[in-house]
Protein backbone atom coordinates (compact mmCIF):
# COMPACT_ATOMS: atom_id res chain seq x y z
CA MET A 1 25.21 3.51 11.57
CA ALA A 2 27.13 5.45 8.79
CA ASN A 3 28.32 2.22 6.95
CA ARG A 4 24.31 1.46 6.41
CA HIS A 5 23.92 4.94 5.40
CA LEU A 6 26.81 4.61 2.79
CA SER A 7 25.37 1.57 1.57
CA ARG A 8 21.71 2.71 1.29
CA SER A 9 23.65 5.56 -1.15
CA ILE A 10 25.47 2.90 -3.07
CA VAL A 11 22.66 0.88 -3.80
CA LEU A 12 20.89 4.37 -4.73
CA GLN A 13 23.32 4.87 -7.25
CA THR A 14 23.03 1.26 -8.86
CA LEU A 15 19.21 1.85 -8.84
CA PHE A 16 19.69 5.20 -10.81
CA GLU A 17 21.95 3.39 -13.63
CA TRP A 18 19.37 0.30 -13.92
CA ASP A 19 16.35 2.99 -13.76
CA PHE A 20 18.16 4.86 -16.81
CA GLN A 21 17.74 1.67 -19.15
CA SER A 22 15.38 0.42 -21.60
CA GLU A 23 12.42 -1.62 -20.10
CA GLU A 24 13.40 -4.59 -21.86
CA LYS A 25 16.85 -4.58 -19.98
CA LYS A 26 15.71 -3.65 -16.86
CA ARG A 27 13.48 -6.54 -16.91
CA LYS A 28 16.41 -8.41 -18.20
CA ASN A 29 18.90 -7.37 -15.30
CA LEU A 30 16.16 -8.73 -12.59
CA ASP A 31 17.51 -12.55 -13.50
CA ASP A 32 21.39 -11.68 -14.72
CA GLU A 33 24.45 -10.53 -13.16
CA GLU A 34 24.83 -7.53 -14.93
CA VAL A 35 23.36 -5.00 -12.21
CA LYS A 36 25.34 -6.88 -10.05
CA GLU A 37 28.76 -5.51 -11.43
CA ILE A 38 27.55 -2.38 -11.73
CA LEU A 39 27.25 -2.66 -7.64
CA LYS A 40 30.61 -3.77 -7.42
CA ARG A 41 31.74 -0.83 -9.65
CA ASN A 42 30.18 1.86 -7.87
CA ILE A 43 31.17 0.22 -4.38
CA LYS A 44 34.69 0.24 -5.94
CA GLU A 45 34.28 3.98 -7.25
CA PHE A 46 32.45 5.43 -4.17
CA ALA A 47 33.88 3.80 -1.47
CA PRO A 48 37.52 2.07 -2.00
CA GLY A 49 37.80 -0.93 1.40
CA PHE A 50 34.07 -0.86 1.83
CA GLU A 51 33.43 -3.88 4.34
CA ASP A 52 29.92 -3.66 4.52
CA ASP A 53 28.99 -5.13 0.94
CA GLY A 54 26.82 -8.02 2.50
CA PHE A 55 24.00 -5.54 3.25
CA VAL A 56 24.33 -3.79 -0.15
CA PHE A 57 24.07 -6.95 -2.15
CA SER A 58 21.39 -8.31 0.10
CA LEU A 59 19.48 -5.19 -0.21
CA LEU A 60 19.57 -4.83 -4.16
CA GLU A 61 18.29 -8.48 -4.44
CA LYS A 62 15.44 -7.90 -2.15
CA ILE A 63 14.49 -4.95 -3.82
CA PHE A 64 14.40 -6.66 -7.19
CA LYS A 65 12.59 -9.41 -5.94
CA LYS A 66 10.13 -7.47 -4.73
CA HIS A 67 10.10 -4.60 -7.42
CA VAL A 68 6.61 -5.22 -8.68
CA THR A 69 4.31 -5.53 -5.56
CA ILE A 70 6.65 -2.13 -4.00
CA ASP A 71 5.74 -0.61 -7.32
CA GLU A 72 2.48 -0.83 -6.61
CA ILE A 73 2.58 -0.24 -3.54
CA ILE A 74 3.98 2.98 -4.33
CA GLU A 75 0.98 3.87 -6.67
CA LYS A 76 -1.15 3.20 -3.84
CA ALA A 77 0.23 5.52 -1.14
CA ALA A 78 0.31 8.02 -3.86
CA PRO A 79 -2.68 7.86 -6.15
CA ASP A 80 -1.74 10.98 -8.15
CA TRP A 81 1.98 10.05 -9.08
CA PRO A 82 2.18 7.21 -11.53
CA ILE A 83 5.45 5.39 -10.95
CA ASP A 84 6.51 6.61 -13.95
CA LYS A 85 6.16 10.54 -13.04
CA ILE A 86 7.61 10.29 -9.37
CA SER A 87 11.69 11.31 -10.49
CA VAL A 88 14.19 8.51 -10.77
CA ILE A 89 15.94 9.68 -7.66
CA ASP A 90 12.50 9.69 -5.87
CA ARG A 91 11.10 6.35 -6.80
CA ASN A 92 14.25 4.51 -6.28
CA ILE A 93 14.25 6.28 -2.69
CA LEU A 94 10.93 5.00 -2.00
CA ARG A 95 12.17 1.25 -3.50
CA ILE A 96 14.76 1.33 -0.95
CA GLY A 97 12.59 2.80 2.38
CA LEU A 98 9.88 0.15 0.98
CA THR A 99 12.06 -2.90 0.91
CA GLU A 100 13.39 -2.20 4.48
CA LEU A 101 10.28 -1.25 5.99
CA LEU A 102 7.92 -4.44 4.49
CA PHE A 103 10.49 -6.90 3.66
CA GLY A 104 13.60 -6.42 6.19
CA ASP A 105 14.36 -7.37 9.10
CA ARG A 106 12.93 -5.39 11.70
CA LYS A 107 15.14 -6.18 14.40
CA GLU A 108 18.37 -5.30 12.19
CA VAL A 109 16.25 -2.06 10.88
CA PRO A 110 13.49 -0.39 13.17
CA PRO A 111 10.53 0.79 10.99
CA LYS A 112 11.51 4.12 12.15
CA VAL A 113 14.93 3.94 11.04
CA ALA A 114 14.08 2.73 7.45
CA ILE A 115 11.80 6.09 6.88
CA ASN A 116 14.86 8.48 8.79
CA GLU A 117 16.99 7.02 6.66
CA ALA A 118 15.40 6.97 3.37
CA ILE A 119 13.57 10.68 4.33
CA GLU A 120 18.21 11.24 4.57
CA LEU A 121 18.93 10.43 0.92
CA ALA A 122 15.79 12.48 -0.57
CA LYS A 123 17.28 15.45 1.19
CA THR A 124 20.74 14.64 0.30
CA PHE A 125 20.35 13.16 -3.06
CA GLY A 126 16.63 14.48 -4.63
CA GLY A 127 14.73 18.14 -5.05
CA GLU A 128 13.70 20.95 -2.79
CA ASN A 129 10.60 18.72 -1.70
CA SER A 130 12.04 15.00 -2.02
CA GLY A 131 12.02 14.76 1.61
CA LYS A 132 8.50 15.69 2.21
CA PHE A 133 7.06 13.63 -0.58
CA VAL A 134 9.11 10.46 0.72
CA ASN A 135 7.81 10.75 3.95
CA GLY A 136 4.21 11.35 3.32
CA VAL A 137 5.03 8.31 1.13
CA LEU A 138 6.68 5.66 3.77
CA GLY A 139 4.33 7.49 6.34
CA ALA A 140 1.25 6.55 5.01
CA VAL A 141 2.27 3.09 3.95
CA TYR A 142 3.79 2.61 7.98
CA LYS A 143 0.32 3.48 9.31
CA GLU A 144 -2.03 1.11 6.60
CA ILE A 145 0.70 -1.78 8.19
CA GLY A 146 -0.36 -1.21 11.66
CA GLU A 147 2.52 1.25 12.86
CA PRO A 148 4.97 -1.48 13.72
CA GLY A 149 7.12 -0.64 16.68
CA LYS A 150 5.11 2.04 17.74
CA GLU A 151 4.38 0.86 21.24
CA GLN A 152 8.26 1.65 21.86
CA ILE A 153 7.76 5.94 21.23
CA SER A 154 7.91 7.42 24.99
CA LYS A 155 4.22 8.76 26.25
CA LYS A 156 5.55 11.59 25.43
CA LYS A 157 6.12 11.71 22.43
CA LYS A 158 2.83 10.07 21.30
CA GLN A 159 1.02 12.54 22.89
CA GLU A 160 2.79 15.13 20.53
CA GLU A 161 1.31 13.11 17.87
CA ILE A 162 -2.46 12.74 18.54
CA ILE A 163 -4.21 14.19 15.26
CA ASP A 164 -7.43 16.22 16.06
CA ILE A 165 -9.30 14.89 13.63
CA THR A 166 -12.14 16.93 13.87
CA LYS A 167 -9.99 19.88 11.99
CA LEU A 168 -9.03 17.56 9.12
CA PRO A 169 -10.38 17.34 5.49
CA VAL A 170 -13.37 14.71 5.11
CA GLU A 171 -13.92 12.59 2.15
CA MET A 172 -17.09 10.17 2.46
CA LEU A 173 -16.83 6.49 0.51
CA GLY A 174 -19.29 4.11 0.46
CA GLY A 175 -18.19 -0.13 0.02
CA ALA A 176 -20.26 -3.09 0.65
CA LEU A 177 -20.05 -6.66 1.12
CA VAL A 178 -21.81 -7.84 -2.04
CA TYR A 179 -23.24 -11.88 -2.34
CA LYS A 180 -24.58 -13.99 -4.73
CA LYS A 181 -26.19 -17.50 -4.81
CA LYS A 182 -25.10 -19.95 -6.90
CA ASN A 183 -26.62 -23.47 -6.96
CA ASP A 184 -27.72 -23.35 -3.45
CA GLU A 185 -24.44 -21.99 -2.44
CA VAL A 186 -23.71 -18.15 -1.20
CA LEU A 187 -21.10 -16.81 -2.17
CA PHE A 188 -18.88 -13.34 -1.04
CA ALA A 189 -16.84 -10.78 -3.05
CA PHE A 190 -13.56 -9.69 -1.65
CA VAL A 191 -10.71 -7.40 -3.26
CA HIS A 192 -6.95 -8.43 -2.42
CA ASP A 193 -4.59 -5.00 -1.91
CA VAL A 194 -1.15 -4.82 -2.45
CA PHE A 195 -0.62 -5.05 1.31
CA GLY A 196 -1.60 -8.67 1.50
CA TYR A 197 -5.35 -8.30 3.00
CA TRP A 198 -8.99 -9.44 1.73
CA THR A 199 -11.18 -6.59 1.88
CA LEU A 200 -14.35 -4.87 1.02
CA SER A 201 -15.01 -3.08 -2.68
CA LYS A 202 -15.35 0.42 -1.77
CA GLY A 203 -15.07 3.76 -3.72
CA LYS A 204 -15.76 7.73 -3.48
CA ILE A 205 -18.69 8.95 -2.87
CA GLU A 206 -19.06 12.26 -4.77
CA ALA A 207 -20.66 15.61 -4.87
CA GLY A 208 -24.17 15.82 -4.98
CA GLU A 209 -24.84 11.87 -4.60
CA ASN A 210 -26.05 9.78 -2.30
CA GLU A 211 -24.71 7.06 -0.03
CA MET A 212 -26.79 4.22 -1.94
CA ASP A 213 -26.32 5.78 -5.30
CA GLY A 214 -22.56 6.34 -4.91
CA THR A 215 -21.93 2.81 -3.17
CA LYS A 216 -23.55 1.40 -6.53
CA ARG A 217 -21.59 3.37 -8.69
CA ALA A 218 -18.31 2.60 -7.36
CA ILE A 219 -18.81 -0.93 -6.88
CA LYS A 220 -19.80 -0.83 -10.36
CA LYS A 221 -16.51 0.83 -11.22
CA GLU A 222 -14.20 -1.51 -9.24
CA ILE A 223 -15.10 -4.70 -9.44
CA GLY A 224 -18.20 -4.42 -12.67
CA LEU A 225 -20.80 -5.50 -10.50
CA ASP A 226 -24.71 -4.42 -10.57
CA ILE A 227 -25.81 -4.40 -7.18
CA GLU A 228 -28.88 -4.46 -5.28
CA ILE A 229 -28.57 -2.58 -1.57
CA GLU A 230 -30.42 -4.48 0.75
CA GLU A 231 -29.40 -3.00 4.42
CA LYS A 232 -26.76 -0.59 6.01
CA LEU A 233 -24.03 -2.91 7.70
CA GLY A 234 -22.15 0.11 9.40
CA GLU A 235 -19.76 2.84 9.53
CA ASN A 236 -16.29 3.34 10.23
CA GLU A 237 -13.66 6.10 9.69
CA TYR A 238 -9.49 6.49 9.86
CA VAL A 239 -6.99 9.09 8.85
CA ALA A 240 -5.17 8.65 5.72
CA SER A 241 -1.58 10.46 4.63
CA HIS A 242 -1.53 11.82 1.14
CA PRO A 243 2.04 12.69 0.20
CA GLU A 244 0.86 16.28 -1.27
CA LYS A 245 -2.26 16.77 0.23
CA GLY A 246 -1.51 15.96 3.93
CA LYS A 247 -3.70 13.79 6.67
CA SER A 248 -7.89 13.83 5.79
CA LEU A 249 -10.28 11.80 7.64
CA LYS A 250 -12.10 9.24 5.68
CA LYS A 251 -15.67 8.01 6.26
CA VAL A 252 -16.81 4.78 5.03
CA VAL A 253 -20.55 3.59 5.14
CA TYR A 254 -21.21 -0.07 4.45
CA PHE A 255 -23.98 -1.98 2.77
CA LEU A 256 -24.60 -5.61 2.19
CA ALA A 257 -25.68 -6.12 -1.16
CA LYS A 258 -26.85 -8.64 -3.75
CA SER A 259 -25.52 -9.16 -6.91
CA GLU A 260 -26.26 -11.73 -10.06
CA ASP A 261 -24.08 -14.11 -10.93
CA LYS A 262 -21.60 -12.87 -12.68
CA GLU A 263 -17.56 -12.83 -12.61
CA LEU A 264 -15.40 -10.06 -11.04
CA GLU A 265 -13.76 -7.61 -13.32
CA LEU A 266 -11.44 -6.05 -11.00
CA GLU A 267 -10.54 -2.03 -11.77
CA LYS A 268 -6.70 -1.63 -12.75
CA SER A 269 -5.95 -0.08 -9.52
CA GLY A 270 -2.49 0.98 -8.18
CA GLY A 271 -4.00 -0.22 -4.58
CA LEU A 272 -6.26 -3.98 -5.75
CA ASP A 273 -4.41 -6.66 -7.69
CA GLY A 274 -7.05 -9.36 -7.06
CA ALA A 275 -11.05 -9.79 -6.41
CA ARG A 276 -12.82 -12.95 -6.03
CA TRP A 277 -15.31 -14.76 -4.84
CA PHE A 278 -15.23 -16.88 -1.65
CA PRO A 279 -18.05 -19.19 0.26
CA LEU A 280 -18.75 -18.75 3.61
CA SER A 281 -16.87 -21.68 4.58
CA ALA A 282 -13.34 -19.75 3.31
CA ILE A 283 -13.82 -16.56 5.13
CA PRO A 284 -12.44 -17.56 8.13
CA GLU A 285 -9.09 -18.21 6.49
CA LEU A 286 -8.71 -15.28 4.72
CA ARG A 287 -6.58 -12.26 6.10
CA ILE A 288 -8.80 -9.47 6.96
CA TYR A 289 -8.36 -6.48 8.72
CA ASN A 290 -9.68 -6.32 12.13
CA ASP A 291 -12.66 -3.20 11.45
CA ILE A 292 -14.42 -5.53 8.52
CA ILE A 293 -14.75 -8.63 10.78
CA PRO A 294 -18.04 -7.09 12.45
CA LEU A 295 -19.82 -6.19 9.38
CA ILE A 296 -19.30 -9.30 7.91
CA SER A 297 -20.76 -11.10 10.94
CA LYS A 298 -23.70 -9.01 10.83
CA ALA A 299 -24.10 -9.66 7.11
CA ILE A 300 -24.14 -13.25 7.81
CA GLU A 301 -26.33 -12.90 10.78
CA ILE A 302 -29.06 -11.31 8.23
CA ILE A 303 -28.68 -13.90 5.13
CA SER A 304 -28.97 -16.65 7.32
CA LYS A 305 -32.60 -15.24 8.71
CA LYS A 306 -33.51 -14.97 5.08
């Protein structure tokens, strides 16, 4: 829809102006009317007689409301690019695309439309590689949230998108379901990611490390715990997309591990925003990735037999 493409272009221009302001003034503009005046001026200048201003103001408001979360998601999806190192055009196109992809009305703007519109903005206003970069970041997030709407893609297109994982570079990771005992109660350590899921702490196993040593180091780095590995729980693998390096196959080995009674110290990371101990009774209420649930069930069974 031409009007909607113009709407996004006007929002991008407004974000571009806002992003050049000082940090103090930008924070202020999240709560005052000045940025809306910039938007009104841009509508008048670039689209006189424009009739879709409701969509424009709604989109801008959503971006500001979810601004912090969106930037964290960008850093998770593009770990080699801190938010302030991404060009001002590209990062604001990503803010628009992610807002529509994650927080928009999917009946009004389907996920694929949100991604394609952002790519078009990047090709029009960004640099030579902006389209590829934006596509990579949004594509990674789209896969992370389960590819909503994918069932609507034709079978032919699905077949074209099949990935031969045997040809992908492999990255090894180690993770653990860590537990501790406190006052005769068993508590489990979970980390919370920016997509809203509670999951298990994990990290990259470096070259030359064995699985156990690599996992111990990764857990210590991510949540500050010295762990004692007790038993292997299982393995899983998934295809990850990097905006510049492309796709890779990540293989994760998970262990059951015990820790001393200590508070979690979450490493500052663009992908995680929380870490907590939970009693067994609270786990069914948590939002957890499906591939993690069997590992948790196995761990609980092992602990119950001790």
